[in-house]
């Protein structure tokens, strides 16, 4: 992630603005985000994000609606 100059919090903050009122789950948002990355980023960058999001799944309730997850919580 840092190779593109942004931390997970920076990327999430930008991405979340698109879904501020969305009631979809965090898990569904992860999937959409990864699809978006695949169309705009390198394979390695996508792999890194996929690994990170899978690790977050261990510590975050991914059934929570995306609009309830704050950047600080990340």
N, C-alpha and C. Protein backbone atom coordinates (compact mmCIF):
# COMPACT_ATOMS: atom_id res chain seq x y z
N UNK A 1 0.81 -1.19 0.00
CA UNK A 1 0.00 0.00 0.00
C UNK A 1 0.85 1.25 0.00
N UNK A 2 1.89 1.23 0.81
CA UNK A 2 2.72 2.43 0.90
C UNK A 2 3.43 2.72 -0.41
N UNK A 3 3.61 1.72 -1.26
CA UNK A 3 4.29 1.97 -2.53
C UNK A 3 3.48 2.94 -3.40
N UNK A 4 2.19 3.03 -3.14
CA UNK A 4 1.35 3.99 -3.87
C UNK A 4 1.11 5.26 -3.05
N UNK A 5 1.78 5.38 -1.91
CA UNK A 5 1.75 6.62 -1.14
C UNK A 5 0.56 6.82 -0.23
N UNK A 6 -0.22 5.78 0.02
CA UNK A 6 -1.38 5.94 0.91
C UNK A 6 -1.45 4.78 1.90
N UNK A 7 -1.87 5.10 3.10
CA UNK A 7 -2.11 4.06 4.10
C UNK A 7 -3.52 3.51 3.91
N UNK A 8 -3.82 2.43 4.60
CA UNK A 8 -5.16 1.86 4.55
C UNK A 8 -6.20 2.89 5.00
N UNK A 9 -5.87 3.65 6.03
CA UNK A 9 -6.81 4.67 6.52
C UNK A 9 -7.10 5.72 5.46
N UNK A 10 -6.08 6.16 4.72
CA UNK A 10 -6.28 7.15 3.65
C UNK A 10 -7.18 6.59 2.56
N UNK A 11 -6.86 5.38 2.13
CA UNK A 11 -7.65 4.77 1.06
C UNK A 11 -9.08 4.55 1.51
N UNK A 12 -9.24 4.06 2.74
CA UNK A 12 -10.59 3.79 3.25
C UNK A 12 -11.41 5.07 3.35
N UNK A 13 -10.78 6.13 3.82
CA UNK A 13 -11.47 7.41 3.97
C UNK A 13 -12.04 7.88 2.62
N UNK A 14 -11.24 7.77 1.58
CA UNK A 14 -11.70 8.16 0.24
C UNK A 14 -12.80 7.24 -0.26
N UNK A 15 -12.61 5.94 -0.10
CA UNK A 15 -13.57 4.96 -0.59
C UNK A 15 -14.91 5.09 0.13
N UNK A 16 -14.86 5.30 1.45
CA UNK A 16 -16.07 5.35 2.26
C UNK A 16 -16.97 6.52 1.87
N UNK A 17 -16.40 7.59 1.39
CA UNK A 17 -17.20 8.75 0.98
C UNK A 17 -18.25 8.35 -0.06
N UNK A 18 -17.91 7.36 -0.86
CA UNK A 18 -18.85 6.88 -1.88
C UNK A 18 -20.00 6.08 -1.28
N UNK A 19 -19.78 5.54 -0.10
CA UNK A 19 -20.75 4.62 0.50
C UNK A 19 -21.21 5.06 1.89
N UNK A 20 -21.15 6.34 2.16
CA UNK A 20 -21.44 6.85 3.49
C UNK A 20 -22.82 6.45 4.00
N UNK A 21 -23.80 6.38 3.13
CA UNK A 21 -25.15 6.04 3.57
C UNK A 21 -25.53 4.59 3.23
N UNK A 22 -24.59 3.83 2.72
CA UNK A 22 -24.89 2.47 2.29
C UNK A 22 -25.09 1.54 3.48
N UNK A 23 -26.05 0.65 3.35
CA UNK A 23 -26.31 -0.32 4.41
C UNK A 23 -25.69 -1.68 4.11
N UNK A 24 -24.89 -1.77 3.04
CA UNK A 24 -24.26 -3.05 2.73
C UNK A 24 -23.23 -3.38 3.81
N UNK A 25 -22.95 -4.64 3.96
CA UNK A 25 -22.02 -5.09 5.00
C UNK A 25 -20.59 -4.72 4.65
N UNK A 26 -19.75 -4.76 5.66
CA UNK A 26 -18.33 -4.53 5.46
C UNK A 26 -17.78 -5.56 4.48
N UNK A 27 -18.18 -6.82 4.64
CA UNK A 27 -17.71 -7.90 3.77
C UNK A 27 -18.05 -7.61 2.30
N UNK A 28 -19.29 -7.19 2.03
CA UNK A 28 -19.69 -6.85 0.67
C UNK A 28 -18.88 -5.67 0.14
N UNK A 29 -18.60 -4.72 1.01
CA UNK A 29 -17.80 -3.56 0.62
C UNK A 29 -16.37 -3.96 0.30
N UNK A 30 -15.82 -4.89 1.08
CA UNK A 30 -14.48 -5.42 0.79
C UNK A 30 -14.44 -5.97 -0.63
N UNK A 31 -15.44 -6.77 -0.96
CA UNK A 31 -15.48 -7.40 -2.29
C UNK A 31 -15.58 -6.36 -3.40
N UNK A 32 -16.43 -5.36 -3.22
CA UNK A 32 -16.55 -4.29 -4.22
C UNK A 32 -15.25 -3.50 -4.35
N UNK A 33 -14.63 -3.23 -3.21
CA UNK A 33 -13.38 -2.48 -3.20
C UNK A 33 -12.30 -3.24 -3.95
N UNK A 34 -12.19 -4.54 -3.72
CA UNK A 34 -11.19 -5.35 -4.40
C UNK A 34 -11.46 -5.41 -5.90
N UNK A 35 -12.72 -5.50 -6.29
CA UNK A 35 -13.06 -5.47 -7.72
C UNK A 35 -12.63 -4.15 -8.35
N UNK A 36 -12.87 -3.06 -7.64
CA UNK A 36 -12.46 -1.75 -8.11
C UNK A 36 -10.94 -1.68 -8.27
N UNK A 37 -10.22 -2.18 -7.28
CA UNK A 37 -8.76 -2.15 -7.34
C UNK A 37 -8.24 -2.95 -8.53
N UNK A 38 -8.86 -4.07 -8.83
CA UNK A 38 -8.40 -4.91 -9.93
C UNK A 38 -8.46 -4.18 -11.27
N UNK A 39 -9.40 -3.25 -11.39
CA UNK A 39 -9.52 -2.52 -12.65
C UNK A 39 -8.61 -1.29 -12.72
N UNK A 40 -8.01 -0.92 -11.59
CA UNK A 40 -7.21 0.30 -11.57
C UNK A 40 -5.79 0.14 -11.05
N UNK A 41 -5.46 -1.02 -10.48
CA UNK A 41 -4.16 -1.17 -9.80
C UNK A 41 -3.43 -2.44 -10.24
N UNK A 42 -2.19 -2.52 -9.83
CA UNK A 42 -1.36 -3.68 -10.18
C UNK A 42 -1.83 -4.92 -9.42
N UNK A 43 -1.44 -6.06 -9.94
CA UNK A 43 -1.81 -7.34 -9.33
C UNK A 43 -1.24 -7.44 -7.91
N UNK A 44 -0.02 -7.01 -7.73
CA UNK A 44 0.61 -7.08 -6.40
C UNK A 44 -0.12 -6.18 -5.39
N UNK A 45 -0.47 -4.99 -5.80
CA UNK A 45 -1.21 -4.07 -4.92
C UNK A 45 -2.53 -4.69 -4.50
N UNK A 46 -3.22 -5.32 -5.43
CA UNK A 46 -4.49 -5.99 -5.12
C UNK A 46 -4.27 -7.14 -4.15
N UNK A 47 -3.20 -7.90 -4.35
CA UNK A 47 -2.88 -9.00 -3.43
C UNK A 47 -2.62 -8.49 -2.02
N UNK A 48 -1.88 -7.39 -1.91
CA UNK A 48 -1.58 -6.82 -0.60
C UNK A 48 -2.87 -6.39 0.10
N UNK A 49 -3.75 -5.72 -0.62
CA UNK A 49 -5.01 -5.29 -0.03
C UNK A 49 -5.88 -6.48 0.35
N UNK A 50 -5.91 -7.49 -0.49
CA UNK A 50 -6.69 -8.68 -0.19
C UNK A 50 -6.21 -9.33 1.10
N UNK A 51 -4.90 -9.43 1.28
CA UNK A 51 -4.33 -10.00 2.49
C UNK A 51 -4.73 -9.16 3.71
N UNK A 52 -4.60 -7.86 3.59
CA UNK A 52 -4.93 -6.96 4.71
C UNK A 52 -6.41 -7.06 5.07
N UNK A 53 -7.27 -7.04 4.06
CA UNK A 53 -8.70 -7.11 4.34
C UNK A 53 -9.09 -8.46 4.95
N UNK A 54 -8.44 -9.52 4.53
CA UNK A 54 -8.69 -10.82 5.14
C UNK A 54 -8.25 -10.85 6.60
N UNK A 55 -7.16 -10.17 6.91
CA UNK A 55 -6.71 -10.09 8.31
C UNK A 55 -7.67 -9.24 9.13
N UNK A 56 -8.18 -8.17 8.57
CA UNK A 56 -9.14 -7.34 9.29
C UNK A 56 -10.40 -8.12 9.64
N UNK A 57 -10.72 -9.07 8.78
CA UNK A 57 -11.88 -9.92 9.01
C UNK A 57 -11.78 -10.66 10.34
N UNK A 58 -10.57 -10.88 10.82
CA UNK A 58 -10.37 -11.56 12.10
C UNK A 58 -10.69 -10.66 13.30
N UNK A 59 -10.62 -9.35 13.09
CA UNK A 59 -10.76 -8.41 14.20
C UNK A 59 -11.97 -7.48 14.11
N UNK A 60 -12.68 -7.56 13.02
CA UNK A 60 -13.79 -6.65 12.78
C UNK A 60 -15.03 -7.45 12.38
N UNK A 61 -16.16 -7.09 12.92
CA UNK A 61 -17.40 -7.76 12.55
C UNK A 61 -17.76 -7.35 11.13
N UNK A 62 -17.57 -8.25 10.19
CA UNK A 62 -17.78 -7.90 8.79
C UNK A 62 -19.24 -7.91 8.37
N UNK A 63 -20.14 -8.24 9.29
CA UNK A 63 -21.57 -8.13 9.00
C UNK A 63 -22.11 -6.74 9.32
N UNK A 64 -21.28 -5.92 9.96
CA UNK A 64 -21.65 -4.54 10.30
C UNK A 64 -21.87 -3.74 9.02
N UNK A 65 -22.91 -2.91 8.97
CA UNK A 65 -23.09 -2.04 7.80
C UNK A 65 -21.89 -1.10 7.65
N UNK A 66 -21.48 -0.90 6.43
CA UNK A 66 -20.29 -0.11 6.14
C UNK A 66 -20.40 1.33 6.67
N UNK A 67 -21.60 1.86 6.70
CA UNK A 67 -21.79 3.24 7.16
C UNK A 67 -21.50 3.40 8.65
N UNK A 68 -21.38 2.30 9.39
CA UNK A 68 -21.12 2.38 10.83
C UNK A 68 -19.65 2.23 11.20
N UNK A 69 -18.79 2.01 10.21
CA UNK A 69 -17.36 1.85 10.49
C UNK A 69 -16.65 3.17 10.25
N UNK A 70 -16.05 3.70 11.29
CA UNK A 70 -15.34 4.97 11.17
C UNK A 70 -13.89 4.73 10.75
N UNK A 71 -13.28 5.75 10.20
CA UNK A 71 -11.87 5.65 9.82
C UNK A 71 -11.02 5.41 11.05
N UNK A 72 -11.36 6.03 12.15
CA UNK A 72 -10.60 5.85 13.39
C UNK A 72 -10.65 4.39 13.83
N UNK A 73 -11.76 3.74 13.64
CA UNK A 73 -11.91 2.34 14.03
C UNK A 73 -10.96 1.43 13.26
N UNK A 74 -10.64 1.78 12.03
CA UNK A 74 -9.69 0.97 11.26
C UNK A 74 -8.37 0.95 11.94
